[in-house]
Amino acid sequence: MSKKGGDIKKKKISKKMTLAIKIVKSKKSGCYTFENKMISNDEIEIFFKKK
């Protein structure tokens, strides 16, 4: 008995990722720190908006 169609391969979904780094001032100590995050290209504007 043989199966028709063979193996079904899953397609790999790839997104372009960017390392985003921003400088954030700490509210408690007043020091500047770096915040880095791997994000997709769709979320870049959201990451850099001021809170």
Protein backbone atom coordinates (compact mmCIF):
# COMPACT_ATOMS: atom_id res chain seq x y z
CA MET A 1 0.00 0.00 0.00
CA SER A 2 1.44 3.31 -1.02
CA LYS A 3 0.11 6.73 -0.20
CA LYS A 4 -0.50 9.17 -3.00
CA GLY A 5 0.73 12.73 -2.70
CA GLY A 6 3.84 12.07 -0.66
CA ASP A 7 4.98 14.20 2.24
CA ILE A 8 3.45 17.60 2.76
CA LYS A 9 6.15 20.12 3.63
CA LYS A 10 5.32 23.11 5.80
CA LYS A 11 6.23 26.45 4.31
CA LYS A 12 8.59 28.49 6.41
CA ILE A 13 7.28 31.98 7.04
CA SER A 14 10.15 34.41 7.38
CA LYS A 15 9.87 37.97 8.60
CA LYS A 16 12.64 40.50 8.40
CA MET A 17 13.70 41.42 11.91
CA THR A 18 15.54 44.56 12.99
CA LEU A 19 17.53 45.20 16.14
CA ALA A 20 16.13 48.47 17.50
CA ILE A 21 18.05 50.31 20.22
CA LYS A 22 16.80 53.40 22.00
CA ILE A 23 18.11 55.41 24.93
CA VAL A 24 15.72 55.69 27.86
CA LYS A 25 16.07 57.88 30.93
CA SER A 26 15.25 56.10 34.19
CA LYS A 27 12.56 57.78 36.29
CA LYS A 28 13.98 56.60 39.63
CA SER A 29 17.72 57.23 39.29
CA GLY A 30 17.84 59.70 36.40
CA CYS A 31 20.45 57.59 34.56
CA TYR A 32 20.28 56.81 30.87
CA THR A 33 19.99 53.17 29.83
CA PHE A 34 19.71 51.33 26.54
CA GLU A 35 16.61 49.39 25.59
CA ASN A 36 17.17 46.95 22.74
CA LYS A 37 14.70 44.62 21.14
CA MET A 38 14.40 42.44 18.05
CA ILE A 39 11.25 43.59 16.26
CA SER A 40 9.68 43.13 12.86
CA ASN A 41 9.68 45.99 10.38
CA ASP A 42 5.98 46.64 11.02
CA GLU A 43 6.54 47.54 14.68
CA ILE A 44 9.43 50.02 14.31
CA GLU A 45 7.31 53.17 14.55
CA ILE A 46 5.48 51.84 17.61
CA PHE A 47 8.75 51.06 19.40
CA PHE A 48 10.15 54.57 18.98
CA LYS A 49 7.02 56.50 20.05
CA LYS A 50 7.37 58.38 23.32
CA LYS A 51 5.30 56.99 26.16
